ModelCIF file with pLDDT and N, C-alpha, C, O atoms, coordinates in Angstrom:
data_MODEL
#
_entry.id   MODEL 
#
_entity.id                         1 
_entity.type                       polymer 
_entity.pdbx_number_of_molecules   1 
#
_entity_poly.entity_id                      1 
_entity_poly.type                           'polypeptide(L)' 
_entity_poly.nstd_linkage                   no 
_entity_poly.nstd_monomer                   no 
_entity_poly.pdbx_seq_one_letter_code       
;(UNK)(UNK)(UNK)(UNK)(UNK)(UNK)(UNK)(UNK)(UNK)(UNK)(UNK)(UNK)(UNK)(UNK)(UNK)(UNK)
(UNK)(UNK)(UNK)(UNK)(UNK)(UNK)(UNK)(UNK)(UNK)(UNK)(UNK)(UNK)(UNK)(UNK)(UNK)(UNK)
;
_entity_poly.pdbx_seq_one_letter_code_can   XXXXXXXXXXXXXXXXXXXXXXXXXXXXXXXX 
_entity_poly.pdbx_strand_id                 A 
#
loop_
_entity_poly_seq.entity_id 
_entity_poly_seq.num 
_entity_poly_seq.mon_id 
_entity_poly_seq.hetero 
1 1  UNK n 
1 2  UNK n 
1 3  UNK n 
1 4  UNK n 
1 5  UNK n 
1 6  UNK n 
1 7  UNK n 
1 8  UNK n 
1 9  UNK n 
1 10 UNK n 
1 11 UNK n 
1 12 UNK n 
1 13 UNK n 
1 14 UNK n 
1 15 UNK n 
1 16 UNK n 
1 17 UNK n 
1 18 UNK n 
1 19 UNK n 
1 20 UNK n 
1 21 UNK n 
1 22 UNK n 
1 23 UNK n 
1 24 UNK n 
1 25 UNK n 
1 26 UNK n 
1 27 UNK n 
1 28 UNK n 
1 29 UNK n 
1 30 UNK n 
1 31 UNK n 
1 32 UNK n 
#
_struct_asym.id          A 
_struct_asym.entity_id   1 
#
loop_
_ma_qa_metric.id 
_ma_qa_metric.mode 
_ma_qa_metric.name 
_ma_qa_metric.software_group_id 
_ma_qa_metric.type 
1 global pLDDT . pLDDT 
2 local  pLDDT . pLDDT 
#
_ma_qa_metric_global.metric_id      1 
_ma_qa_metric_global.metric_value   92.28 
_ma_qa_metric_global.model_id       1 
_ma_qa_metric_global.ordinal_id     1 
#
loop_
_ma_qa_metric_local.label_asym_id 
_ma_qa_metric_local.label_comp_id 
_ma_qa_metric_local.label_seq_id 
_ma_qa_metric_local.metric_id 
_ma_qa_metric_local.metric_value 
_ma_qa_metric_local.model_id 
_ma_qa_metric_local.ordinal_id 
A UNK 1  2 94.00 1 1  
A UNK 2  2 93.00 1 2  
A UNK 3  2 93.00 1 3  
A UNK 4  2 93.00 1 4  
A UNK 5  2 95.00 1 5  
A UNK 6  2 94.00 1 6  
A UNK 7  2 94.00 1 7  
A UNK 8  2 93.00 1 8  
A UNK 9  2 94.00 1 9  
A UNK 10 2 93.00 1 10 
A UNK 11 2 92.00 1 11 
A UNK 12 2 92.00 1 12 
A UNK 13 2 91.00 1 13 
A UNK 14 2 91.00 1 14 
A UNK 15 2 90.00 1 15 
A UNK 16 2 87.00 1 16 
A UNK 17 2 87.00 1 17 
A UNK 18 2 89.00 1 18 
A UNK 19 2 92.00 1 19 
A UNK 20 2 94.00 1 20 
A UNK 21 2 94.00 1 21 
A UNK 22 2 95.00 1 22 
A UNK 23 2 95.00 1 23 
A UNK 24 2 95.00 1 24 
A UNK 25 2 94.00 1 25 
A UNK 26 2 93.00 1 26 
A UNK 27 2 92.00 1 27 
A UNK 28 2 91.00 1 28 
A UNK 29 2 89.00 1 29 
A UNK 30 2 92.00 1 30 
A UNK 31 2 90.00 1 31 
A UNK 32 2 92.00 1 32 
#
loop_
_atom_site.group_PDB 
_atom_site.id 
_atom_site.type_symbol 
_atom_site.label_atom_id 
_atom_site.label_alt_id 
_atom_site.label_comp_id 
_atom_site.label_asym_id 
_atom_site.label_entity_id 
_atom_site.label_seq_id 
_atom_site.pdbx_PDB_ins_code 
_atom_site.Cartn_x 
_atom_site.Cartn_y 
_atom_site.Cartn_z 
_atom_site.occupancy 
_atom_site.B_iso_or_equiv 
_atom_site.pdbx_formal_charge 
_atom_site.auth_seq_id 
_atom_site.auth_comp_id 
_atom_site.auth_asym_id 
_atom_site.auth_atom_id 
_atom_site.pdbx_PDB_model_num 
ATOM 1   N N  . UNK A 1 1  ? 17.887 3.396  8.089  1.00 94.00 ? 1  UNK A N  1 
ATOM 2   C CA . UNK A 1 1  ? 18.291 1.987  8.493  1.00 94.00 ? 1  UNK A CA 1 
ATOM 3   C C  . UNK A 1 1  ? 16.871 1.296  8.820  1.00 94.00 ? 1  UNK A C  1 
ATOM 4   O O  . UNK A 1 1  ? 16.168 1.586  9.788  1.00 94.00 ? 1  UNK A O  1 
ATOM 5   N N  . UNK A 1 2  ? 16.572 0.315  7.823  1.00 93.00 ? 2  UNK A N  1 
ATOM 6   C CA . UNK A 1 2  ? 15.204 -0.352 8.003  1.00 93.00 ? 2  UNK A CA 1 
ATOM 7   C C  . UNK A 1 2  ? 14.971 -1.346 9.081  1.00 93.00 ? 2  UNK A C  1 
ATOM 8   O O  . UNK A 1 2  ? 13.881 -1.626 9.580  1.00 93.00 ? 2  UNK A O  1 
ATOM 9   N N  . UNK A 1 3  ? 16.252 -1.894 9.407  1.00 93.00 ? 3  UNK A N  1 
ATOM 10  C CA . UNK A 1 3  ? 16.493 -2.897 10.162 1.00 93.00 ? 3  UNK A CA 1 
ATOM 11  C C  . UNK A 1 3  ? 16.216 -2.159 11.969 1.00 93.00 ? 3  UNK A C  1 
ATOM 12  O O  . UNK A 1 3  ? 15.883 -2.823 12.950 1.00 93.00 ? 3  UNK A O  1 
ATOM 13  N N  . UNK A 1 4  ? 16.453 -0.807 11.941 1.00 93.00 ? 4  UNK A N  1 
ATOM 14  C CA . UNK A 1 4  ? 16.015 -0.403 13.092 1.00 93.00 ? 4  UNK A CA 1 
ATOM 15  C C  . UNK A 1 4  ? 14.828 0.595  13.336 1.00 93.00 ? 4  UNK A C  1 
ATOM 16  O O  . UNK A 1 4  ? 14.354 0.960  14.412 1.00 93.00 ? 4  UNK A O  1 
ATOM 17  N N  . UNK A 1 5  ? 14.462 0.951  12.025 1.00 95.00 ? 5  UNK A N  1 
ATOM 18  C CA . UNK A 1 5  ? 13.214 1.812  12.078 1.00 95.00 ? 5  UNK A CA 1 
ATOM 19  C C  . UNK A 1 5  ? 11.712 0.751  11.715 1.00 95.00 ? 5  UNK A C  1 
ATOM 20  O O  . UNK A 1 5  ? 10.579 1.067  12.078 1.00 95.00 ? 5  UNK A O  1 
ATOM 21  N N  . UNK A 1 6  ? 11.920 -0.034 11.234 1.00 94.00 ? 6  UNK A N  1 
ATOM 22  C CA . UNK A 1 6  ? 10.847 -1.177 10.783 1.00 94.00 ? 6  UNK A CA 1 
ATOM 23  C C  . UNK A 1 6  ? 10.004 -1.552 12.029 1.00 94.00 ? 6  UNK A C  1 
ATOM 24  O O  . UNK A 1 6  ? 8.780  -1.593 11.903 1.00 94.00 ? 6  UNK A O  1 
ATOM 25  N N  . UNK A 1 7  ? 10.641 -1.858 13.352 1.00 94.00 ? 7  UNK A N  1 
ATOM 26  C CA . UNK A 1 7  ? 10.006 -2.225 14.447 1.00 94.00 ? 7  UNK A CA 1 
ATOM 27  C C  . UNK A 1 7  ? 9.313  -1.203 14.957 1.00 94.00 ? 7  UNK A C  1 
ATOM 28  O O  . UNK A 1 7  ? 8.289  -1.538 15.551 1.00 94.00 ? 7  UNK A O  1 
ATOM 29  N N  . UNK A 1 8  ? 9.522  -0.203 14.916 1.00 93.00 ? 8  UNK A N  1 
ATOM 30  C CA . UNK A 1 8  ? 8.648  0.863  15.699 1.00 93.00 ? 8  UNK A CA 1 
ATOM 31  C C  . UNK A 1 8  ? 7.747  1.256  14.828 1.00 93.00 ? 8  UNK A C  1 
ATOM 32  O O  . UNK A 1 8  ? 6.917  2.003  15.348 1.00 93.00 ? 8  UNK A O  1 
ATOM 33  N N  . UNK A 1 9  ? 7.564  1.037  13.625 1.00 94.00 ? 9  UNK A N  1 
ATOM 34  C CA . UNK A 1 9  ? 6.236  1.534  12.686 1.00 94.00 ? 9  UNK A CA 1 
ATOM 35  C C  . UNK A 1 9  ? 5.558  0.050  12.810 1.00 94.00 ? 9  UNK A C  1 
ATOM 36  O O  . UNK A 1 9  ? 4.331  0.138  12.859 1.00 94.00 ? 9  UNK A O  1 
ATOM 37  N N  . UNK A 1 10 ? 5.931  -0.965 12.857 1.00 93.00 ? 10 UNK A N  1 
ATOM 38  C CA . UNK A 1 10 ? 4.891  -1.946 13.159 1.00 93.00 ? 10 UNK A CA 1 
ATOM 39  C C  . UNK A 1 10 ? 4.394  -2.182 14.488 1.00 93.00 ? 10 UNK A C  1 
ATOM 40  O O  . UNK A 1 10 ? 3.691  -3.138 14.815 1.00 93.00 ? 10 UNK A O  1 
ATOM 41  N N  . UNK A 1 11 ? 4.734  -1.407 15.112 1.00 92.00 ? 11 UNK A N  1 
ATOM 42  C CA . UNK A 1 11 ? 4.266  -1.636 16.901 1.00 92.00 ? 11 UNK A CA 1 
ATOM 43  C C  . UNK A 1 11 ? 2.986  -0.673 16.611 1.00 92.00 ? 11 UNK A C  1 
ATOM 44  O O  . UNK A 1 11 ? 1.950  -0.968 17.206 1.00 92.00 ? 11 UNK A O  1 
ATOM 45  N N  . UNK A 1 12 ? 2.977  0.348  15.824 1.00 92.00 ? 12 UNK A N  1 
ATOM 46  C CA . UNK A 1 12 ? 2.098  1.263  15.834 1.00 92.00 ? 12 UNK A CA 1 
ATOM 47  C C  . UNK A 1 12 ? 0.972  0.865  14.953 1.00 92.00 ? 12 UNK A C  1 
ATOM 48  O O  . UNK A 1 12 ? -0.221 1.078  15.170 1.00 92.00 ? 12 UNK A O  1 
ATOM 49  N N  . UNK A 1 13 ? 1.602  0.141  13.733 1.00 91.00 ? 13 UNK A N  1 
ATOM 50  C CA . UNK A 1 13 ? 0.573  -0.329 12.403 1.00 91.00 ? 13 UNK A CA 1 
ATOM 51  C C  . UNK A 1 13 ? -0.206 -1.551 12.827 1.00 91.00 ? 13 UNK A C  1 
ATOM 52  O O  . UNK A 1 13 ? -1.400 -1.690 12.562 1.00 91.00 ? 13 UNK A O  1 
ATOM 53  N N  . UNK A 1 14 ? 0.525  -2.444 13.506 1.00 91.00 ? 14 UNK A N  1 
ATOM 54  C CA . UNK A 1 14 ? -0.013 -3.724 13.734 1.00 91.00 ? 14 UNK A CA 1 
ATOM 55  C C  . UNK A 1 14 ? -1.425 -4.012 14.358 1.00 91.00 ? 14 UNK A C  1 
ATOM 56  O O  . UNK A 1 14 ? -2.260 -4.859 14.040 1.00 91.00 ? 14 UNK A O  1 
ATOM 57  N N  . UNK A 1 15 ? -1.441 -3.131 15.264 1.00 90.00 ? 15 UNK A N  1 
ATOM 58  C CA . UNK A 1 15 ? -2.925 -2.982 16.329 1.00 90.00 ? 15 UNK A CA 1 
ATOM 59  C C  . UNK A 1 15 ? -3.904 -2.458 15.355 1.00 90.00 ? 15 UNK A C  1 
ATOM 60  O O  . UNK A 1 15 ? -5.004 -2.997 15.230 1.00 90.00 ? 15 UNK A O  1 
ATOM 61  N N  . UNK A 1 16 ? -3.492 -1.252 14.540 1.00 87.00 ? 16 UNK A N  1 
ATOM 62  C CA . UNK A 1 16 ? -4.544 -0.484 13.654 1.00 87.00 ? 16 UNK A CA 1 
ATOM 63  C C  . UNK A 1 16 ? -4.783 -1.223 12.411 1.00 87.00 ? 16 UNK A C  1 
ATOM 64  O O  . UNK A 1 16 ? -5.943 -1.349 12.017 1.00 87.00 ? 16 UNK A O  1 
ATOM 65  N N  . UNK A 1 17 ? -3.691 -1.783 11.677 1.00 87.00 ? 17 UNK A N  1 
ATOM 66  C CA . UNK A 1 17 ? -4.279 -2.486 10.329 1.00 87.00 ? 17 UNK A CA 1 
ATOM 67  C C  . UNK A 1 17 ? -4.225 -4.082 10.195 1.00 87.00 ? 17 UNK A C  1 
ATOM 68  O O  . UNK A 1 17 ? -4.706 -4.705 9.248  1.00 87.00 ? 17 UNK A O  1 
ATOM 69  N N  . UNK A 1 18 ? -3.615 -4.599 11.204 1.00 89.00 ? 18 UNK A N  1 
ATOM 70  C CA . UNK A 1 18 ? -3.366 -6.309 11.415 1.00 89.00 ? 18 UNK A CA 1 
ATOM 71  C C  . UNK A 1 18 ? -2.027 -6.100 11.106 1.00 89.00 ? 18 UNK A C  1 
ATOM 72  O O  . UNK A 1 18 ? -1.452 -5.092 10.695 1.00 89.00 ? 18 UNK A O  1 
ATOM 73  N N  . UNK A 1 19 ? -1.579 -7.336 11.399 1.00 92.00 ? 19 UNK A N  1 
ATOM 74  C CA . UNK A 1 19 ? -0.079 -7.579 11.421 1.00 92.00 ? 19 UNK A CA 1 
ATOM 75  C C  . UNK A 1 19 ? 0.503  -7.454 9.964  1.00 92.00 ? 19 UNK A C  1 
ATOM 76  O O  . UNK A 1 19 ? 0.051  -8.078 9.004  1.00 92.00 ? 19 UNK A O  1 
ATOM 77  N N  . UNK A 1 20 ? 1.385  -6.718 9.921  1.00 94.00 ? 20 UNK A N  1 
ATOM 78  C CA . UNK A 1 20 ? 2.021  -6.131 8.790  1.00 94.00 ? 20 UNK A CA 1 
ATOM 79  C C  . UNK A 1 20 ? 2.846  -7.375 8.452  1.00 94.00 ? 20 UNK A C  1 
ATOM 80  O O  . UNK A 1 20 ? 3.402  -7.967 9.377  1.00 94.00 ? 20 UNK A O  1 
ATOM 81  N N  . UNK A 1 21 ? 2.982  -7.880 7.006  1.00 94.00 ? 21 UNK A N  1 
ATOM 82  C CA . UNK A 1 21 ? 4.072  -9.076 7.118  1.00 94.00 ? 21 UNK A CA 1 
ATOM 83  C C  . UNK A 1 21 ? 4.989  -8.812 5.931  1.00 94.00 ? 21 UNK A C  1 
ATOM 84  O O  . UNK A 1 21 ? 6.068  -9.405 5.911  1.00 94.00 ? 21 UNK A O  1 
ATOM 85  N N  . UNK A 1 22 ? 4.619  -7.848 4.779  1.00 95.00 ? 22 UNK A N  1 
ATOM 86  C CA . UNK A 1 22 ? 5.475  -7.374 3.863  1.00 95.00 ? 22 UNK A CA 1 
ATOM 87  C C  . UNK A 1 22 ? 5.599  -5.924 3.552  1.00 95.00 ? 22 UNK A C  1 
ATOM 88  O O  . UNK A 1 22 ? 4.610  -5.195 3.620  1.00 95.00 ? 22 UNK A O  1 
ATOM 89  N N  . UNK A 1 23 ? 6.858  -5.442 3.188  1.00 95.00 ? 23 UNK A N  1 
ATOM 90  C CA . UNK A 1 23 ? 6.857  -4.109 2.743  1.00 95.00 ? 23 UNK A CA 1 
ATOM 91  C C  . UNK A 1 23 ? 7.386  -4.041 1.423  1.00 95.00 ? 23 UNK A C  1 
ATOM 92  O O  . UNK A 1 23 ? 7.800  -5.109 0.971  1.00 95.00 ? 23 UNK A O  1 
ATOM 93  N N  . UNK A 1 24 ? 7.465  -3.066 0.725  1.00 95.00 ? 24 UNK A N  1 
ATOM 94  C CA . UNK A 1 24 ? 8.249  -2.902 -0.249 1.00 95.00 ? 24 UNK A CA 1 
ATOM 95  C C  . UNK A 1 24 ? 8.498  -1.734 -0.595 1.00 95.00 ? 24 UNK A C  1 
ATOM 96  O O  . UNK A 1 24 ? 7.525  -0.981 -0.658 1.00 95.00 ? 24 UNK A O  1 
ATOM 97  N N  . UNK A 1 25 ? 9.623  -1.273 -0.877 1.00 94.00 ? 25 UNK A N  1 
ATOM 98  C CA . UNK A 1 25 ? 10.511 0.075  -1.080 1.00 94.00 ? 25 UNK A CA 1 
ATOM 99  C C  . UNK A 1 25 ? 11.083 -0.038 -2.374 1.00 94.00 ? 25 UNK A C  1 
ATOM 100 O O  . UNK A 1 25 ? 11.091 -1.030 -3.103 1.00 94.00 ? 25 UNK A O  1 
ATOM 101 N N  . UNK A 1 26 ? 11.710 1.441  -2.639 1.00 93.00 ? 26 UNK A N  1 
ATOM 102 C CA . UNK A 1 26 ? 12.472 1.656  -3.754 1.00 93.00 ? 26 UNK A CA 1 
ATOM 103 C C  . UNK A 1 26 ? 14.036 1.931  -3.025 1.00 93.00 ? 26 UNK A C  1 
ATOM 104 O O  . UNK A 1 26 ? 14.253 2.632  -2.036 1.00 93.00 ? 26 UNK A O  1 
ATOM 105 N N  . UNK A 1 27 ? 14.876 1.279  -3.707 1.00 92.00 ? 27 UNK A N  1 
ATOM 106 C CA . UNK A 1 27 ? 16.247 1.100  -2.970 1.00 92.00 ? 27 UNK A CA 1 
ATOM 107 C C  . UNK A 1 27 ? 16.654 2.926  -3.042 1.00 92.00 ? 27 UNK A C  1 
ATOM 108 O O  . UNK A 1 27 ? 17.078 3.549  -2.069 1.00 92.00 ? 27 UNK A O  1 
ATOM 109 N N  . UNK A 1 28 ? 16.458 3.396  -4.115 1.00 91.00 ? 28 UNK A N  1 
ATOM 110 C CA . UNK A 1 28 ? 17.134 4.860  -3.735 1.00 91.00 ? 28 UNK A CA 1 
ATOM 111 C C  . UNK A 1 28 ? 17.144 5.202  -2.669 1.00 91.00 ? 28 UNK A C  1 
ATOM 112 O O  . UNK A 1 28 ? 18.327 5.030  -2.375 1.00 91.00 ? 28 UNK A O  1 
ATOM 113 N N  . UNK A 1 29 ? 16.466 5.748  -1.452 1.00 89.00 ? 29 UNK A N  1 
ATOM 114 C CA . UNK A 1 29 ? 16.430 6.191  -0.573 1.00 89.00 ? 29 UNK A CA 1 
ATOM 115 C C  . UNK A 1 29 ? 16.800 5.200  0.852  1.00 89.00 ? 29 UNK A C  1 
ATOM 116 O O  . UNK A 1 29 ? 16.852 5.578  2.022  1.00 89.00 ? 29 UNK A O  1 
ATOM 117 N N  . UNK A 1 30 ? 17.054 3.672  0.238  1.00 92.00 ? 30 UNK A N  1 
ATOM 118 C CA . UNK A 1 30 ? 17.215 3.139  1.392  1.00 92.00 ? 30 UNK A CA 1 
ATOM 119 C C  . UNK A 1 30 ? 18.927 2.268  1.077  1.00 92.00 ? 30 UNK A C  1 
ATOM 120 O O  . UNK A 1 30 ? 19.063 1.383  0.232  1.00 92.00 ? 30 UNK A O  1 
ATOM 121 N N  . UNK A 1 31 ? 20.067 2.791  1.975  1.00 90.00 ? 31 UNK A N  1 
ATOM 122 C CA . UNK A 1 31 ? 21.315 2.150  1.243  1.00 90.00 ? 31 UNK A CA 1 
ATOM 123 C C  . UNK A 1 31 ? 21.313 0.573  1.306  1.00 90.00 ? 31 UNK A C  1 
ATOM 124 O O  . UNK A 1 31 ? 21.660 -0.207 0.419  1.00 90.00 ? 31 UNK A O  1 
ATOM 125 N N  . UNK A 1 32 ? 20.908 0.336  2.379  1.00 92.00 ? 32 UNK A N  1 
ATOM 126 C CA . UNK A 1 32 ? 21.002 -1.330 2.670  1.00 92.00 ? 32 UNK A CA 1 
ATOM 127 C C  . UNK A 1 32 ? 19.341 -1.697 3.021  1.00 92.00 ? 32 UNK A C  1 
ATOM 128 O O  . UNK A 1 32 ? 19.008 -2.851 3.290  1.00 92.00 ? 32 UNK A O  1 
#
């Protein structure tokens, strides 16, 4: 579930890599 998983990921990555503004995925592994 990207809606619930992505915020925790960006909480870690934003301070390290700068504000994450876009992501791209293959829909095979993400149902929504």
